[in-house]
Amino acid sequence: MASSRFIITVIGSDKVGIVARITMVMANFNVNIVDITQTIMQGIFTMIMLAEAPQEGFDLQAFQEGMEAEGKNLGVEVKVQHEDIFRFMHRI
């Protein structure tokens, strides 16, 4: 099965439930976490995930909108970028 990979970043004030609610949206879209790192720096929650979704039937725009909406509900910023775009933007 072919898939698409994405970089998902979550940044904002730390609070209970961020990981649970973000990953719930991911599960609803059948998006799998390939790799994840998170930390809290002086009360600021930061998380970066490499995620993968099946290409067949996957609606990237709906996923991005769902993640951004949940981020707003949580008071954090959530960005979803295709892996290729992220790598191009952040190359040295």
C-alpha atoms as a PDB file:
ATOM      1  CA  MET A   1       0.000   0.000   0.000  1.00  0.00           C
ATOM      2  CA  ALA A   2       1.413   3.419  -0.938  1.00  0.00           C
ATOM      3  CA  SER A   3       1.501   6.119   1.687  1.00  0.00           C
ATOM      4  CA  SER A   4       2.196   9.794   2.257  1.00  0.00           C
ATOM      5  CA  ARG A   5       4.419  11.072   5.047  1.00  0.00           C
ATOM      6  CA  PHE A   6       3.968  14.333   6.907  1.00  0.00           C
ATOM      7  CA  ILE A   7       5.751  16.423   9.495  1.00  0.00           C
ATOM      8  CA  ILE A   8       3.374  17.603  12.205  1.00  0.00           C
ATOM      9  CA  THR A   9       4.464  20.285  14.667  1.00  0.00           C
ATOM     10  CA  VAL A  10       2.580  21.281  17.800  1.00  0.00           C
ATOM     11  CA  ILE A  11       3.689  24.278  19.876  1.00  0.00           C
ATOM     12  CA  GLY A  12       1.982  26.159  22.706  1.00  0.00           C
ATOM     13  CA  SER A  13       1.486  26.498  26.422  1.00  0.00           C
ATOM     14  CA  ASP A  14       1.615  23.147  28.191  1.00  0.00           C
ATOM     15  CA  LYS A  15      -1.641  21.681  29.463  1.00  0.00           C
ATOM     16  CA  VAL A  16      -3.164  18.289  30.118  1.00  0.00           C
ATOM     17  CA  GLY A  17      -4.515  16.421  27.099  1.00  0.00           C
ATOM     18  CA  ILE A  18      -2.555  17.865  24.175  1.00  0.00           C
ATOM     19  CA  VAL A  19      -1.065  14.554  23.049  1.00  0.00           C
ATOM     20  CA  ALA A  20      -4.330  12.672  23.614  1.00  0.00           C
ATOM     21  CA  ARG A  21      -6.464  15.074  21.604  1.00  0.00           C
ATOM     22  CA  ILE A  22      -3.995  15.549  18.740  1.00  0.00           C
ATOM     23  CA  THR A  23      -3.485  11.806  18.364  1.00  0.00           C
ATOM     24  CA  MET A  24      -7.260  11.252  18.471  1.00  0.00           C
ATOM     25  CA  VAL A  25      -7.621  13.422  15.355  1.00  0.00           C
ATOM     26  CA  MET A  26      -4.786  11.468  13.745  1.00  0.00           C
ATOM     27  CA  ALA A  27      -6.483   8.154  14.538  1.00  0.00           C
ATOM     28  CA  ASN A  28      -9.762   9.406  13.061  1.00  0.00           C
ATOM     29  CA  PHE A  29      -7.915   9.981   9.756  1.00  0.00           C
ATOM     30  CA  ASN A  30      -6.001   6.670   9.971  1.00  0.00           C
ATOM     31  CA  VAL A  31      -2.679   8.538  10.330  1.00  0.00           C
ATOM     32  CA  ASN A  32       0.127   6.582  11.981  1.00  0.00           C
ATOM     33  CA  ILE A  33       3.024   8.019  14.012  1.00  0.00           C
ATOM     34  CA  VAL A  34       6.342   6.885  12.529  1.00  0.00           C
ATOM     35  CA  ASP A  35       8.539   8.907  14.905  1.00  0.00           C
ATOM     36  CA  ILE A  36       7.845  11.428  17.642  1.00  0.00           C
ATOM     37  CA  THR A  37       9.714  13.767  19.928  1.00  0.00           C
ATOM     38  CA  GLN A  38       8.314  16.131  22.496  1.00  0.00           C
ATOM     39  CA  THR A  39       9.564  18.321  25.286  1.00  0.00           C
ATOM     40  CA  ILE A  40       8.409  21.066  27.587  1.00  0.00           C
ATOM     41  CA  MET A  41      10.683  24.097  27.685  1.00  0.00           C
ATOM     42  CA  GLN A  42       9.827  26.475  30.534  1.00  0.00           C
ATOM     43  CA  GLY A  43       6.116  25.764  30.217  1.00  0.00           C
ATOM     44  CA  ILE A  44       6.072  25.677  26.392  1.00  0.00           C
ATOM     45  CA  PHE A  45       4.980  22.338  24.929  1.00  0.00           C
ATOM     46  CA  THR A  46       6.726  21.322  21.706  1.00  0.00           C
ATOM     47  CA  MET A  47       6.116  18.168  19.697  1.00  0.00           C
ATOM     48  CA  ILE A  48       7.314  17.092  16.268  1.00  0.00           C
ATOM     49  CA  MET A  49       6.011  13.947  14.595  1.00  0.00           C
ATOM     50  CA  LEU A  50       6.798  12.116  11.412  1.00  0.00           C
ATOM     51  CA  ALA A  51       3.452  10.627  10.446  1.00  0.00           C
ATOM     52  CA  GLU A  52       2.182   8.437   7.640  1.00  0.00           C
ATOM     53  CA  ALA A  53      -1.227   8.051   6.030  1.00  0.00           C
ATOM     54  CA  PRO A  54      -2.432   5.719   3.286  1.00  0.00           C
ATOM     55  CA  GLN A  55      -2.713   7.625   0.010  1.00  0.00           C
ATOM     56  CA  GLU A  56      -5.882   5.829  -0.967  1.00  0.00           C
ATOM     57  CA  GLY A  57      -8.878   7.832   0.236  1.00  0.00           C
ATOM     58  CA  PHE A  58      -6.819  10.237   2.345  1.00  0.00           C
ATOM     59  CA  ASP A  59      -7.997  13.877   2.285  1.00  0.00           C
ATOM     60  CA  LEU A  60      -4.980  16.019   3.203  1.00  0.00           C
ATOM     61  CA  GLN A  61      -6.941  19.268   3.333  1.00  0.00           C
ATOM     62  CA  ALA A  62      -9.560  17.802   5.671  1.00  0.00           C
ATOM     63  CA  PHE A  63      -6.786  16.391   7.867  1.00  0.00           C
ATOM     64  CA  GLN A  64      -4.975  19.741   8.020  1.00  0.00           C
ATOM     65  CA  GLU A  65      -8.222  21.529   8.873  1.00  0.00           C
ATOM     66  CA  GLY A  66      -9.069  18.974  11.560  1.00  0.00           C
ATOM     67  CA  MET A  67      -5.622  19.254  13.139  1.00  0.00           C
ATOM     68  CA  GLU A  68      -5.664  23.065  13.045  1.00  0.00           C
ATOM     69  CA  ALA A  69      -9.174  23.163  14.538  1.00  0.00           C
ATOM     70  CA  GLU A  70      -8.154  20.860  17.392  1.00  0.00           C
ATOM     71  CA  GLY A  71      -5.063  22.988  17.930  1.00  0.00           C
ATOM     72  CA  LYS A  72      -7.239  26.094  18.245  1.00  0.00           C
ATOM     73  CA  ASN A  73      -9.475  24.279  20.735  1.00  0.00           C
ATOM     74  CA  LEU A  74      -6.368  23.449  22.763  1.00  0.00           C
ATOM     75  CA  GLY A  75      -4.759  26.871  22.380  1.00  0.00           C
ATOM     76  CA  VAL A  76      -1.725  25.482  20.523  1.00  0.00           C
ATOM     77  CA  GLU A  77      -0.418  25.915  16.982  1.00  0.00           C
ATOM     78  CA  VAL A  78      -0.530  22.799  14.818  1.00  0.00           C
ATOM     79  CA  LYS A  79       1.120  22.637  11.395  1.00  0.00           C
ATOM     80  CA  VAL A  80       0.936  19.722   8.943  1.00  0.00           C
ATOM     81  CA  GLN A  81       3.390  19.709   6.044  1.00  0.00           C
ATOM     82  CA  HIS A  82       4.169  17.029   3.515  1.00  0.00           C
ATOM     83  CA  GLU A  83       7.605  15.551   4.306  1.00  0.00           C
ATOM     84  CA  ASP A  84       9.087  16.644   0.953  1.00  0.00           C
ATOM     85  CA  ILE A  85       8.018  20.273   1.459  1.00  0.00           C
ATOM     86  CA  PHE A  86       9.299  20.310   5.041  1.00  0.00           C
ATOM     87  CA  ARG A  87      12.690  18.905   3.997  1.00  0.00           C
ATOM     88  CA  PHE A  88      12.987  21.399   1.118  1.00  0.00           C
ATOM     89  CA  MET A  89      12.147  24.352   3.380  1.00  0.00           C
ATOM     90  CA  HIS A  90      14.579  23.274   6.110  1.00  0.00           C
ATOM     91  CA  ARG A  91      17.584  22.150   4.114  1.00  0.00           C
ATOM     92  CA  ILE A  92      20.983  23.607   4.856  1.00  0.00           C
END
